[in-house]
Amino acid sequence: MNLRRRQKSAISSSWRKEIDPDEIFLDSKNLPDFDVHQFEGRIEKPIGLGAIIGLLISFACIFLLLLGKAWALQAKDGAQYAAMSESNALDETTVFSQRGAIFDRNGQKLAWNRVDPDNMDFSARAYTELPGLSHVLGYVRYPAKDKQGTYYRTDFEGVSGVEKFWNKELQGTYGTRVVETDALGNVTSESVIKPPVDGQNLILSIDATLQSRMFQAISNLAKRVGFTGGAGIVMNVHTGEVLAMTSYPEFSNTVMADGSDAKAISSYLTDTAGKPFLNRITGGLYTPGSIVKPYVSIAALEEKVIDPSKQILSTGSISIPNPYDPTKKTTFMDWRPQGLVDMRKAIAVSSNVYFYEVGGGFQDQKGLGIDNLNKYFALFGFGQKPPEGFFSGPSGTVPSPSWKERVFPGDPWRIGDTYFTAIGQYGFQVTPLQMIRALSSVANGGTFLTPTILKTGTSTPVVGETVPVNPADFQIVREGMRQGALIGTASGLNVPYVKIAAKTGTAELGVSKAFVNSWVTGFFPYESPKYAFVVMMEHGPRANVYGATAAMREVFDWMHATDSDYLK
């Protein structure tokens, strides 16, 4: 016990003893390998004047560099960067919709969209490779950018055909995308705030296979015989649906749509002759010749100028006294002596003499006169502008005294002018579209149709204008056209598999009359007409024995070989 007290007393005494600081701080004596550079507070040598000057120069250079950069950003390029910042910070861009596709009446695809690897902003246009559809389909111009990559034309522009006249429906509605970028043009975010609405698909009344086959028949004949062009159209005489509508020569929809290669287009146009961009159905004006004779017949029946059973003798010409020298005669030729012909046979064999006399009068045969001729030609649409829209085109010309005064001032109208007008010559000009409308009204008994290129989806007769003609008069003309296919100028269409009624025409061109336009018009089946057709071959040699009838015969034979529903 005493030992413990003594030990405790000794410890207490040791805490009360003074402690020397050297005993607790490290120094070079109590720390082995002491490094005099390890601690702050070591004594440094004074900074020299050269070092100070070097530092000042360095600071000055850095300052000048920063100042120059600031000047470049704000003064020199400030406006550019400001514009970049403002314009690119939040930018709206177009989201292109998908253009609607185009189909024929049987669902065959005629125009659709394809991926363009050179431009992923929108789809390019693709077109069928079937020949003969260029003028119906037309083509488009694509949206276009400037050198800075900004679209200055944001719409597809339909240039012709269906692509033009239904551009709004096919195009749809474009959407909007907001793109956020930094001042350097880097995209930081983007989002679609208005989604696009794709365009509508269109179903045409066209039968693409029939139209392509008609085009091939026309182009083959033109190349073989020497016609510079041609056109063909087939229309339902009750609905107005156009089943085929082709024009030769044609252009390439794809070449024209992909028009960024100007050199390729220039080369293409150089190699393509014969006005390939002219749609001859709606825009071509041609002398009709004898295909107007059925309408002269209707006028004569309506005005009771002649009984349809009365016969007129054609010896090959008629002659009338020359108004300037009664001792001389002016002779008007028939294309051949026809003998005695009544109205039905005159239509069938296309007697010029018969229609000279009925149109202008001769001896004891009363004539219609030019005013009545013009009245009835107008009823059937000749000399009248077609409806505006897809089928719009020129009005053509029906010769008249007022027309002659404008064209040949001071030259009075003569009986010979009436004669030539009655056989579709002189200054007479029509379009194939006008012919198909007039012919359809004869076939259906007097409904003057407004044609359509869109499928109607119904066989109900359209409500159209009515031509005020006695149904019995239409029937006489139809009978004459049926004889034309049996024994007359259209006998090339006398086929065993369908009954056809037809009227041909050969219009002489120019002063020398070395070239002609060849026509054939008609309808089928004869007993209950449903379809009308017109084929026109343009500017071929007069000596040629093959004309428009040959091209249409090829189409009918194809229909028969393929067991076409059109013949049933």
Protein backbone atom coordinates (compact mmCIF):
# COMPACT_ATOMS: atom_id res chain seq x y z
CA MET A 1 0.00 0.00 0.00
CA ASN A 2 2.78 2.48 0.93
CA LEU A 3 4.60 1.50 -2.26
CA ARG A 4 1.60 2.54 -4.35
CA ARG A 5 1.34 5.94 -2.66
CA ARG A 6 5.00 6.65 -3.37
CA GLN A 7 4.68 5.80 -7.09
CA LYS A 8 1.61 8.07 -7.53
CA SER A 9 3.45 10.95 -5.81
CA ALA A 10 6.43 10.59 -8.16
CA ILE A 11 4.17 10.75 -11.29
CA SER A 12 2.46 13.91 -10.09
CA SER A 13 5.81 15.57 -9.52
CA SER A 14 6.91 14.75 -13.13
CA TRP A 15 3.93 16.69 -14.72
CA ARG A 16 4.78 19.76 -12.75
CA LYS A 17 8.30 19.86 -14.22
CA GLU A 18 9.12 22.49 -17.07
CA ILE A 19 9.20 21.06 -20.73
CA ASP A 20 11.80 22.54 -23.19
CA PRO A 21 10.31 23.29 -26.69
CA ASP A 22 13.32 21.70 -28.33
CA GLU A 23 12.15 18.44 -26.83
CA ILE A 24 8.90 18.47 -28.91
CA PHE A 25 9.78 20.31 -32.26
CA LEU A 26 11.69 18.70 -35.06
CA ASP A 27 14.93 20.22 -36.31
CA SER A 28 17.94 19.13 -38.21
CA LYS A 29 19.29 17.54 -35.06
CA ASN A 30 16.39 15.31 -34.16
CA LEU A 31 15.12 14.47 -37.81
CA PRO A 32 17.38 12.35 -39.93
CA ASP A 33 17.89 13.40 -43.60
CA PHE A 34 16.24 16.79 -43.07
CA ASP A 35 15.38 18.52 -46.43
CA VAL A 36 15.71 22.27 -46.22
CA HIS A 37 13.49 22.67 -49.41
CA GLN A 38 10.48 20.74 -48.04
CA PHE A 39 8.88 23.49 -45.95
CA GLU A 40 7.52 26.91 -46.74
CA GLY A 41 9.38 29.75 -45.23
CA ARG A 42 12.68 28.83 -46.69
CA ILE A 43 14.74 31.81 -47.68
CA GLU A 44 14.72 32.42 -51.56
CA LYS A 45 17.08 34.47 -53.58
CA PRO A 46 15.71 37.92 -54.67
CA ILE A 47 13.98 38.08 -58.17
CA GLY A 48 16.21 39.67 -60.76
CA LEU A 49 15.28 42.64 -62.99
CA GLY A 50 15.49 40.52 -66.19
CA ALA A 51 12.99 38.04 -64.84
CA ILE A 52 10.58 40.83 -63.96
CA ILE A 53 10.84 42.31 -67.46
CA GLY A 54 10.28 38.84 -69.03
CA LEU A 55 7.17 38.35 -66.93
CA LEU A 56 5.84 41.74 -67.93
CA ILE A 57 6.40 41.00 -71.62
CA SER A 58 4.66 37.64 -71.29
CA PHE A 59 1.68 39.25 -69.58
CA ALA A 60 1.56 41.93 -72.28
CA CYS A 61 1.58 39.35 -75.09
CA ILE A 62 -1.22 37.37 -73.46
CA PHE A 63 -3.23 40.55 -72.97
CA LEU A 64 -2.75 41.62 -76.59
CA LEU A 65 -3.77 38.13 -77.80
CA LEU A 66 -6.95 38.19 -75.74
CA LEU A 67 -7.69 41.71 -76.87
CA GLY A 68 -7.27 40.73 -80.52
CA LYS A 69 -9.54 37.73 -80.11
CA ALA A 70 -12.16 39.87 -78.43
CA TRP A 71 -11.98 42.38 -81.28
CA ALA A 72 -12.37 39.61 -83.86
CA LEU A 73 -15.41 38.15 -82.09
CA GLN A 74 -17.13 41.45 -81.42
CA ALA A 75 -15.99 43.97 -84.01
CA LYS A 76 -14.88 42.00 -87.07
CA ASP A 77 -17.20 38.94 -86.98
CA GLY A 78 -19.61 40.10 -84.34
CA ALA A 79 -22.54 40.66 -86.71
CA GLN A 80 -22.05 37.24 -88.31
CA TYR A 81 -21.91 35.44 -84.99
CA ALA A 82 -24.84 37.45 -83.71
CA ALA A 83 -26.87 36.52 -86.78
CA MET A 84 -25.84 32.90 -86.39
CA SER A 85 -26.83 32.99 -82.79
CA GLU A 86 -30.18 34.60 -83.48
CA SER A 87 -31.13 32.59 -86.59
CA ASN A 88 -29.85 29.22 -85.53
CA ALA A 89 -30.78 29.30 -81.92
CA LEU A 90 -34.34 28.12 -82.67
CA ASP A 91 -35.18 27.39 -86.31
CA GLU A 92 -38.30 25.94 -87.95
CA THR A 93 -37.77 23.48 -90.80
CA THR A 94 -40.21 21.73 -93.11
CA VAL A 95 -41.11 18.09 -92.61
CA PHE A 96 -42.11 16.91 -96.08
CA SER A 97 -45.19 14.75 -96.42
CA GLN A 98 -45.32 11.68 -98.62
CA ARG A 99 -46.87 12.48 -102.01
CA GLY A 100 -49.91 10.41 -102.91
CA ALA A 101 -49.54 7.58 -105.40
CA ILE A 102 -51.44 7.37 -108.71
CA PHE A 103 -53.14 4.15 -109.83
CA ASP A 104 -55.05 3.13 -112.94
CA ARG A 105 -58.63 1.83 -112.76
CA ASN A 106 -57.37 -1.74 -112.17
CA GLY A 107 -55.04 -0.82 -109.31
CA GLN A 108 -51.86 -0.76 -111.36
CA LYS A 109 -49.33 1.66 -109.90
CA LEU A 110 -48.46 4.51 -112.27
CA ALA A 111 -46.65 7.03 -110.03
CA TRP A 112 -45.26 6.51 -106.54
CA ASN A 113 -42.45 7.56 -104.17
CA ARG A 114 -38.90 6.26 -104.01
CA VAL A 115 -35.92 6.88 -101.79
CA ASP A 116 -33.37 9.29 -103.22
CA PRO A 117 -29.96 8.52 -101.66
CA ASP A 118 -28.75 12.02 -102.60
CA ASN A 119 -31.58 13.76 -100.75
CA MET A 120 -33.11 12.25 -97.64
CA ASP A 121 -35.35 15.25 -96.88
CA PHE A 122 -38.14 14.05 -99.17
CA SER A 123 -38.99 11.14 -101.45
CA ALA A 124 -38.35 11.34 -105.16
CA ARG A 125 -41.01 10.46 -107.73
CA ALA A 126 -41.06 7.20 -109.68
CA TYR A 127 -43.15 6.57 -112.79
CA THR A 128 -44.30 3.47 -114.63
CA GLU A 129 -42.16 2.26 -117.49
CA LEU A 130 -45.24 1.50 -119.60
CA PRO A 131 -45.15 3.69 -122.74
CA GLY A 132 -47.89 6.11 -123.62
CA LEU A 133 -48.76 7.57 -120.22
CA SER A 134 -46.49 10.62 -120.00
CA HIS A 135 -49.03 13.28 -120.94
CA VAL A 136 -51.69 11.90 -118.61
CA LEU A 137 -49.39 11.62 -115.59
CA GLY A 138 -47.21 14.69 -116.15
CA TYR A 139 -44.29 15.28 -113.79
CA VAL A 140 -43.18 17.39 -110.81
CA ARG A 141 -40.44 19.81 -109.86
CA TYR A 142 -38.89 19.04 -106.50
CA PRO A 143 -38.29 21.45 -103.60
CA ALA A 144 -35.04 23.32 -104.17
CA LYS A 145 -32.25 24.74 -101.99
CA ASP A 146 -30.02 27.76 -102.37
CA LYS A 147 -26.24 27.66 -101.95
CA GLN A 148 -26.57 27.99 -98.19
CA GLY A 149 -28.73 24.87 -98.05
CA THR A 150 -31.98 26.74 -97.33
CA TYR A 151 -35.11 25.70 -99.24
CA TYR A 152 -36.35 28.60 -101.35
CA ARG A 153 -39.00 26.34 -102.94
CA THR A 154 -40.60 24.14 -100.31
CA ASP A 155 -43.40 22.70 -102.41
CA PHE A 156 -43.58 19.99 -105.02
CA GLU A 157 -44.68 21.76 -108.18
CA GLY A 158 -46.87 19.76 -110.56
CA VAL A 159 -45.88 20.77 -114.09
CA SER A 160 -48.41 18.96 -116.27
CA GLY A 161 -50.98 16.19 -116.35
CA VAL A 162 -52.50 14.67 -113.23
CA GLU A 163 -49.47 15.79 -111.19
CA LYS A 164 -50.39 19.40 -111.95
CA PHE A 165 -54.18 19.43 -111.80
CA TRP A 166 -54.41 17.40 -108.58
CA ASN A 167 -51.20 18.72 -107.06
CA LYS A 168 -52.89 19.92 -103.86
CA GLU A 169 -54.55 16.59 -103.17
CA LEU A 170 -51.43 14.58 -104.01
CA GLN A 171 -49.08 16.80 -102.01
CA GLY A 172 -50.79 16.62 -98.63
CA THR A 173 -49.82 18.98 -95.81
CA TYR A 174 -46.25 19.56 -94.72
CA GLY A 175 -45.27 19.41 -91.03
CA THR A 176 -42.91 21.55 -88.97
CA ARG A 177 -39.80 20.62 -87.00
CA VAL A 178 -38.08 22.96 -84.52
CA VAL A 179 -34.31 22.61 -84.51
CA GLU A 180 -32.15 24.18 -81.78
CA THR A 181 -28.55 24.96 -82.72
CA ASP A 182 -25.61 26.66 -81.10
CA ALA A 183 -23.75 29.65 -82.53
CA LEU A 184 -21.50 27.34 -84.56
CA GLY A 185 -24.42 25.66 -86.24
CA ASN A 186 -24.28 22.42 -84.29
CA VAL A 187 -27.69 20.87 -83.63
CA THR A 188 -28.35 20.59 -79.94
CA SER A 189 -31.96 19.37 -80.08
CA GLU A 190 -34.91 19.00 -82.42
CA SER A 191 -38.58 18.05 -82.19
CA VAL A 192 -41.59 17.81 -84.51
CA ILE A 193 -44.26 20.24 -83.38
CA LYS A 194 -46.62 19.68 -86.36
CA PRO A 195 -46.60 16.23 -88.00
CA PRO A 196 -47.07 16.07 -91.79
CA VAL A 197 -50.23 14.70 -93.40
CA ASP A 198 -49.55 12.49 -96.42
CA GLY A 199 -51.20 13.24 -99.75
CA GLN A 200 -54.18 11.39 -101.15
CA ASN A 201 -53.85 8.52 -103.57
CA LEU A 202 -55.66 8.96 -106.90
CA ILE A 203 -57.39 6.25 -108.93
CA LEU A 204 -57.65 7.19 -112.59
CA SER A 205 -60.27 6.07 -115.07
CA ILE A 206 -57.38 5.07 -117.34
CA ASP A 207 -56.72 1.44 -118.18
CA ALA A 208 -52.92 1.63 -118.34
CA THR A 209 -52.53 -1.56 -120.35
CA LEU A 210 -55.09 -0.48 -122.97
CA GLN A 211 -53.54 2.98 -123.22
CA SER A 212 -50.04 1.58 -123.57
CA ARG A 213 -51.19 -0.80 -126.30
CA MET A 214 -52.89 2.03 -128.19
CA PHE A 215 -49.71 4.12 -127.95
CA GLN A 216 -47.64 1.26 -129.36
CA ALA A 217 -50.03 0.82 -132.29
CA ILE A 218 -49.88 4.55 -133.10
CA SER A 219 -46.10 4.84 -132.72
CA ASN A 220 -45.47 1.70 -134.78
CA LEU A 221 -47.63 3.01 -137.64
CA ALA A 222 -46.03 6.47 -137.48
CA LYS A 223 -42.52 5.04 -137.70
CA ARG A 224 -43.40 2.57 -140.42
CA VAL A 225 -45.31 4.93 -142.70
CA GLY A 226 -43.92 8.38 -141.92
CA PHE A 227 -46.51 10.21 -139.82
CA THR A 228 -44.93 12.88 -137.61
CA GLY A 229 -47.23 12.16 -134.68
CA GLY A 230 -50.50 10.70 -133.55
CA ALA A 231 -53.06 10.49 -130.77
CA GLY A 232 -55.75 8.12 -129.55
CA ILE A 233 -58.57 8.27 -127.01
CA VAL A 234 -61.25 5.85 -125.78
CA MET A 235 -64.16 7.06 -123.62
CA ASN A 236 -67.18 5.49 -121.93
CA VAL A 237 -70.16 7.13 -123.65
CA HIS A 238 -72.30 6.98 -120.50
CA THR A 239 -70.01 7.94 -117.65
CA GLY A 240 -67.51 10.15 -119.49
CA GLU A 241 -64.64 8.09 -118.06
CA VAL A 242 -61.58 8.23 -120.32
CA LEU A 243 -60.12 4.73 -120.56
CA ALA A 244 -57.19 5.62 -122.80
CA MET A 245 -55.70 8.94 -123.81
CA THR A 246 -52.30 8.84 -125.43
CA SER A 247 -50.18 11.12 -127.58
CA TYR A 248 -47.16 10.29 -129.74
CA PRO A 249 -44.34 11.21 -129.39
CA GLU A 250 -44.10 11.56 -125.65
CA PHE A 251 -41.50 12.62 -123.08
CA SER A 252 -39.91 10.83 -120.12
CA ASN A 253 -41.56 11.72 -116.81
CA THR A 254 -38.50 10.57 -114.89
CA VAL A 255 -36.00 12.59 -116.93
CA MET A 256 -38.08 15.75 -116.54
CA ALA A 257 -38.73 15.24 -112.82
CA ASP A 258 -35.04 14.62 -112.11
CA GLY A 259 -34.32 17.93 -113.80
CA SER A 260 -31.29 18.86 -111.75
CA ASP A 261 -29.06 17.57 -114.56
CA ALA A 262 -29.55 20.32 -117.13
CA LYS A 263 -27.08 18.69 -119.53
CA ALA A 264 -29.02 15.43 -119.51
CA ILE A 265 -32.31 17.25 -120.19
CA SER A 266 -30.77 19.26 -123.02
CA SER A 267 -29.43 16.09 -124.61
CA TYR A 268 -32.77 14.35 -124.13
CA LEU A 269 -34.72 17.18 -125.78
CA THR A 270 -32.28 17.31 -128.68
CA ASP A 271 -32.76 13.61 -129.36
CA THR A 272 -36.57 13.76 -129.01
CA ALA A 273 -38.24 15.24 -132.08
CA GLY A 274 -41.86 15.88 -133.00
CA LYS A 275 -43.12 18.12 -130.17
CA PRO A 276 -43.06 15.52 -127.38
CA PHE A 277 -44.58 17.92 -124.83
CA LEU A 278 -47.69 18.61 -126.92
CA ASN A 279 -50.66 16.64 -125.66
CA ARG A 280 -52.30 16.16 -129.03
CA ILE A 281 -55.59 15.01 -127.49
CA THR A 282 -56.34 18.30 -125.75
CA GLY A 283 -53.91 20.76 -127.32
CA GLY A 284 -53.42 19.67 -130.92
CA LEU A 285 -55.50 21.42 -133.61
CA TYR A 286 -56.02 19.46 -136.81
CA THR A 287 -58.04 19.68 -140.01
CA PRO A 288 -60.76 17.05 -139.50
CA GLY A 289 -61.80 16.23 -143.06
CA SER A 290 -64.70 13.83 -143.53
CA ILE A 291 -65.21 12.92 -139.86
CA VAL A 292 -67.51 15.99 -139.64
CA LYS A 293 -69.96 14.52 -142.19
CA PRO A 294 -72.14 12.74 -139.58
CA TYR A 295 -72.81 16.13 -137.94
CA VAL A 296 -73.64 17.74 -141.31
CA SER A 297 -76.08 14.85 -141.79
CA ILE A 298 -77.76 15.57 -138.46
CA ALA A 299 -78.05 19.25 -139.36
CA ALA A 300 -79.62 18.37 -142.74
CA LEU A 301 -82.12 16.01 -141.07
CA GLU A 302 -83.03 18.49 -138.35
CA GLU A 303 -83.49 21.33 -140.84
CA LYS A 304 -85.33 18.99 -143.26
CA VAL A 305 -83.00 19.93 -146.09
CA ILE A 306 -83.10 16.38 -147.49
CA ASP A 307 -84.91 13.11 -146.95
CA PRO A 308 -82.38 10.47 -145.80
CA SER A 309 -83.52 8.08 -148.52
CA LYS A 310 -83.06 10.58 -151.38
CA GLN A 311 -80.19 9.67 -153.65
CA ILE A 312 -77.65 12.07 -155.12
CA LEU A 313 -75.47 11.13 -158.06
CA SER A 314 -71.72 11.48 -157.68
CA THR A 315 -69.86 11.21 -160.98
CA GLY A 316 -66.66 12.32 -159.30
CA SER A 317 -67.24 16.09 -159.19
CA ILE A 318 -69.69 18.96 -159.48
CA SER A 319 -69.12 22.23 -161.29
CA ILE A 320 -70.65 25.67 -160.77
CA PRO A 321 -70.32 28.87 -162.83
CA ASN A 322 -67.33 31.00 -162.00
CA PRO A 323 -68.64 34.25 -160.42
CA TYR A 324 -65.97 36.26 -162.21
CA ASP A 325 -66.41 34.63 -165.62
CA PRO A 326 -69.75 32.84 -166.22
CA THR A 327 -68.30 31.18 -169.31
CA LYS A 328 -65.98 29.20 -167.08
CA LYS A 329 -66.76 26.72 -164.33
CA THR A 330 -65.32 26.03 -160.91
CA THR A 331 -65.07 22.29 -160.25
CA PHE A 332 -65.23 20.59 -156.85
CA MET A 333 -63.90 17.05 -156.78
CA ASP A 334 -65.08 13.95 -155.01
CA TRP A 335 -62.32 11.60 -153.91
CA ARG A 336 -63.76 9.05 -156.35
CA PRO A 337 -67.02 8.57 -158.34
CA GLN A 338 -69.61 7.14 -155.92
CA GLY A 339 -72.68 6.70 -158.10
CA LEU A 340 -76.08 7.14 -156.49
CA VAL A 341 -75.87 7.47 -152.72
CA ASP A 342 -78.44 8.18 -150.02
CA MET A 343 -77.50 9.63 -146.66
CA ARG A 344 -76.49 6.35 -145.00
CA LYS A 345 -74.33 5.30 -147.91
CA ALA A 346 -72.91 8.82 -148.30
CA ILE A 347 -71.67 8.58 -144.71
CA ALA A 348 -70.32 5.06 -145.31
CA VAL A 349 -68.41 5.80 -148.51
CA SER A 350 -67.68 9.43 -147.55
CA SER A 351 -69.08 11.05 -150.68
CA ASN A 352 -67.87 14.64 -151.03
CA VAL A 353 -70.41 15.49 -153.73
CA TYR A 354 -73.32 14.49 -151.47
CA PHE A 355 -72.14 16.77 -148.70
CA TYR A 356 -71.26 19.63 -151.07
CA GLU A 357 -74.88 19.67 -152.18
CA VAL A 358 -76.40 19.14 -148.74
CA GLY A 359 -74.10 21.69 -147.16
CA GLY A 360 -74.16 24.47 -149.75
CA GLY A 361 -76.86 23.50 -152.24
CA PHE A 362 -76.60 22.57 -155.91
CA GLN A 363 -79.11 23.01 -158.71
CA ASP A 364 -82.47 21.78 -157.29
CA GLN A 365 -80.94 20.48 -154.04
CA LYS A 366 -81.35 22.94 -151.20
CA GLY A 367 -78.32 23.45 -148.96
CA LEU A 368 -77.95 24.18 -145.26
CA GLY A 369 -75.84 27.29 -145.76
CA ILE A 370 -72.92 28.35 -143.62
CA ASP A 371 -75.02 29.78 -140.76
CA ASN A 372 -76.87 26.51 -140.17
CA LEU A 373 -73.65 24.56 -140.50
CA ASN A 374 -72.06 26.72 -137.82
CA LYS A 375 -75.14 26.38 -135.59
CA TYR A 376 -74.98 22.59 -135.52
CA PHE A 377 -71.21 22.40 -135.34
CA ALA A 378 -71.44 24.55 -132.20
CA LEU A 379 -74.09 22.21 -130.71
CA PHE A 380 -71.53 19.39 -130.89
CA GLY A 381 -68.74 21.48 -129.38
CA PHE A 382 -66.74 22.43 -132.47
CA GLY A 383 -65.28 25.91 -132.23
CA GLN A 384 -66.12 25.94 -128.49
CA LYS A 385 -63.65 25.89 -125.61
CA PRO A 386 -63.82 22.73 -123.49
CA PRO A 387 -64.37 22.95 -119.71
CA GLU A 388 -61.51 24.41 -117.70
CA GLY A 389 -59.35 21.92 -115.86
CA PHE A 390 -57.56 18.78 -116.89
CA PHE A 391 -59.10 18.76 -120.39
CA SER A 392 -58.83 22.48 -121.08
CA GLY A 393 -57.47 23.46 -124.46
CA PRO A 394 -58.03 25.58 -127.56
CA SER A 395 -61.47 26.11 -129.07
CA GLY A 396 -60.40 25.38 -132.62
CA THR A 397 -61.90 27.01 -135.71
CA VAL A 398 -65.10 26.57 -137.68
CA PRO A 399 -64.89 28.64 -140.87
CA SER A 400 -67.47 31.43 -141.23
CA PRO A 401 -67.81 34.74 -143.09
CA SER A 402 -66.64 36.68 -140.01
CA TRP A 403 -63.65 34.38 -139.61
CA LYS A 404 -62.74 34.81 -143.29
CA GLU A 405 -62.96 38.59 -143.02
CA ARG A 406 -60.46 38.51 -140.16
CA VAL A 407 -58.08 36.14 -141.91
CA PHE A 408 -58.53 37.31 -145.51
CA PRO A 409 -59.73 40.93 -145.32
CA GLY A 410 -61.71 42.05 -148.34
CA ASP A 411 -62.22 38.53 -149.70
CA PRO A 412 -65.98 37.76 -149.58
CA TRP A 413 -67.46 34.42 -148.55
CA ARG A 414 -68.29 32.18 -151.52
CA ILE A 415 -70.28 29.02 -152.13
CA GLY A 416 -67.04 27.08 -152.48
CA ASP A 417 -66.10 28.05 -148.93
CA THR A 418 -69.35 26.50 -147.73
CA TYR A 419 -68.67 23.36 -149.73
CA PHE A 420 -65.23 22.89 -148.21
CA THR A 421 -66.50 23.62 -144.70
CA ALA A 422 -69.17 20.92 -145.14
CA ILE A 423 -66.47 18.28 -145.75
CA GLY A 424 -64.22 19.46 -142.90
CA GLN A 425 -61.64 21.32 -144.96
CA TYR A 426 -60.69 24.97 -145.54
CA GLY A 427 -59.86 26.59 -142.16
CA PHE A 428 -61.63 23.92 -140.07
CA GLN A 429 -59.61 22.85 -137.01
CA VAL A 430 -60.58 20.57 -134.13
CA THR A 431 -58.93 18.68 -131.27
CA PRO A 432 -59.31 14.92 -130.79
CA LEU A 433 -61.00 15.70 -127.47
CA GLN A 434 -63.71 17.69 -129.27
CA MET A 435 -64.23 14.77 -131.65
CA ILE A 436 -64.67 12.19 -128.87
CA ARG A 437 -67.25 14.37 -127.09
CA ALA A 438 -69.23 14.93 -130.29
CA LEU A 439 -69.06 11.25 -131.23
CA SER A 440 -70.14 10.10 -127.76
CA SER A 441 -73.28 12.20 -128.00
CA VAL A 442 -74.16 10.43 -131.28
CA ALA A 443 -73.51 7.02 -129.69
CA ASN A 444 -75.51 7.66 -126.50
CA GLY A 445 -78.39 9.47 -128.17
CA GLY A 446 -77.72 13.10 -127.35
CA THR A 447 -75.92 13.49 -124.00
CA PHE A 448 -72.99 15.84 -124.41
CA LEU A 449 -70.51 14.57 -121.84
CA THR A 450 -67.96 16.32 -119.67
CA PRO A 451 -65.07 13.82 -119.70
CA THR A 452 -63.27 12.73 -116.55
CA ILE A 453 -59.85 11.21 -116.00
CA LEU A 454 -60.78 10.02 -112.49
CA LYS A 455 -62.56 6.73 -111.91
CA THR A 456 -66.19 7.44 -111.02
CA GLY A 457 -66.92 4.08 -109.46
CA THR A 458 -70.38 4.01 -111.02
CA SER A 459 -71.99 3.01 -114.29
CA THR A 460 -74.87 5.43 -113.83
CA PRO A 461 -75.15 7.78 -116.82
CA VAL A 462 -73.85 11.22 -116.05
CA VAL A 463 -76.11 14.23 -116.04
CA GLY A 464 -74.78 16.26 -118.94
CA GLU A 465 -75.97 18.76 -121.50
CA THR A 466 -78.52 17.45 -123.95
CA VAL A 467 -78.08 18.00 -127.67
CA PRO A 468 -81.57 18.90 -128.96
CA VAL A 469 -81.73 16.38 -131.78
CA ASN A 470 -84.47 13.93 -132.73
CA PRO A 471 -83.41 10.42 -131.57
CA ALA A 472 -84.44 9.06 -134.98
CA ASP A 473 -81.90 11.35 -136.65
CA PHE A 474 -79.14 10.01 -134.39
CA GLN A 475 -80.15 6.49 -135.39
CA ILE A 476 -79.85 7.24 -139.13
CA VAL A 477 -76.32 8.52 -138.59
CA ARG A 478 -75.41 5.48 -136.48
CA GLU A 479 -76.67 3.21 -139.26
CA GLY A 480 -74.55 5.08 -141.79
CA MET A 481 -71.47 4.67 -139.59
CA ARG A 482 -72.19 0.96 -139.20
CA GLN A 483 -72.23 0.63 -142.99
CA GLY A 484 -68.94 2.50 -142.99
CA ALA A 485 -67.36 -0.38 -141.07
CA LEU A 486 -69.13 -3.01 -143.19
CA ILE A 487 -68.69 -1.74 -146.75
CA GLY A 488 -67.28 1.77 -146.55
CA THR A 489 -64.06 3.61 -145.85
CA ALA A 490 -63.75 2.05 -142.36
CA SER A 491 -64.09 -1.55 -143.57
CA GLY A 492 -60.75 -2.32 -141.94
CA LEU A 493 -62.79 -2.47 -138.71
CA ASN A 494 -65.21 -5.09 -140.05
CA VAL A 495 -64.19 -7.77 -137.55
CA PRO A 496 -66.15 -10.91 -136.53
CA TYR A 497 -65.75 -10.54 -132.77
CA VAL A 498 -67.51 -7.17 -132.21
CA LYS A 499 -69.82 -4.93 -134.23
CA ILE A 500 -68.25 -1.51 -134.77
CA ALA A 501 -69.65 1.71 -136.27
CA ALA A 502 -67.01 4.05 -137.68
CA LYS A 503 -66.27 7.09 -139.83
CA THR A 504 -62.90 7.89 -141.37
CA GLY A 505 -61.43 11.15 -142.56
CA THR A 506 -58.46 12.15 -144.68
CA ALA A 507 -57.69 15.85 -144.42
CA GLU A 508 -55.45 17.28 -147.12
CA LEU A 509 -52.72 19.62 -145.91
CA GLY A 510 -51.00 22.56 -147.57
CA VAL A 511 -51.23 23.98 -151.06
CA SER A 512 -49.56 20.97 -152.65
CA LYS A 513 -51.74 18.52 -150.66
CA ALA A 514 -48.79 16.16 -150.49
CA PHE A 515 -49.50 15.35 -146.84
CA VAL A 516 -52.64 14.38 -144.94
CA ASN A 517 -54.05 13.89 -141.48
CA SER A 518 -55.69 10.48 -141.18
CA TRP A 519 -58.62 9.98 -138.79
CA VAL A 520 -60.89 7.19 -137.67
CA THR A 521 -63.75 7.72 -135.21
CA GLY A 522 -66.35 5.24 -134.02
CA PHE A 523 -68.13 3.41 -131.22
CA PHE A 524 -68.83 -0.16 -130.11
CA PRO A 525 -70.63 -2.42 -129.66
CA TYR A 526 -73.00 -1.15 -132.32
CA GLU A 527 -76.19 -2.67 -130.85
CA SER A 528 -75.71 -1.02 -127.47
CA PRO A 529 -72.92 1.55 -127.66
CA LYS A 530 -70.71 1.79 -124.60
CA TYR A 531 -67.32 3.04 -125.82
CA ALA A 532 -66.29 5.66 -128.37
CA PHE A 533 -62.82 5.98 -129.91
CA VAL A 534 -60.83 8.48 -131.94
CA VAL A 535 -57.43 7.94 -133.55
CA MET A 536 -55.62 10.70 -135.42
CA MET A 537 -52.40 10.25 -137.38
CA GLU A 538 -50.65 13.54 -138.05
CA HIS A 539 -49.00 14.76 -141.26
CA GLY A 540 -48.27 11.64 -143.25
CA PRO A 541 -47.58 11.16 -146.97
CA ARG A 542 -50.68 11.30 -149.15
CA ALA A 543 -49.65 8.24 -151.17
CA ASN A 544 -49.66 6.06 -148.04
CA VAL A 545 -52.43 3.44 -147.98
CA TYR A 546 -52.24 2.84 -144.23
CA GLY A 547 -53.90 5.32 -141.92
CA ALA A 548 -55.56 5.63 -138.53
CA THR A 549 -57.87 2.66 -139.21
CA ALA A 550 -54.84 0.34 -139.25
CA ALA A 551 -53.75 1.52 -135.80
CA MET A 552 -57.24 1.07 -134.31
CA ARG A 553 -57.59 -2.37 -135.92
CA GLU A 554 -54.41 -3.40 -134.12
CA VAL A 555 -55.97 -2.30 -130.82
CA PHE A 556 -59.17 -4.27 -131.47
CA ASP A 557 -57.22 -7.38 -132.41
CA TRP A 558 -55.26 -7.06 -129.17
CA MET A 559 -58.52 -6.77 -127.21
CA HIS A 560 -59.80 -9.92 -128.87
CA ALA A 561 -56.56 -11.84 -128.31
CA THR A 562 -56.56 -10.95 -124.61
CA ASP A 563 -60.28 -11.68 -124.16
CA SER A 564 -60.86 -8.10 -123.11
CA ASP A 565 -63.98 -7.23 -121.14
CA TYR A 566 -64.45 -4.22 -123.43
CA LEU A 567 -65.66 -6.52 -126.20
CA LYS A 568 -68.16 -8.39 -124.02
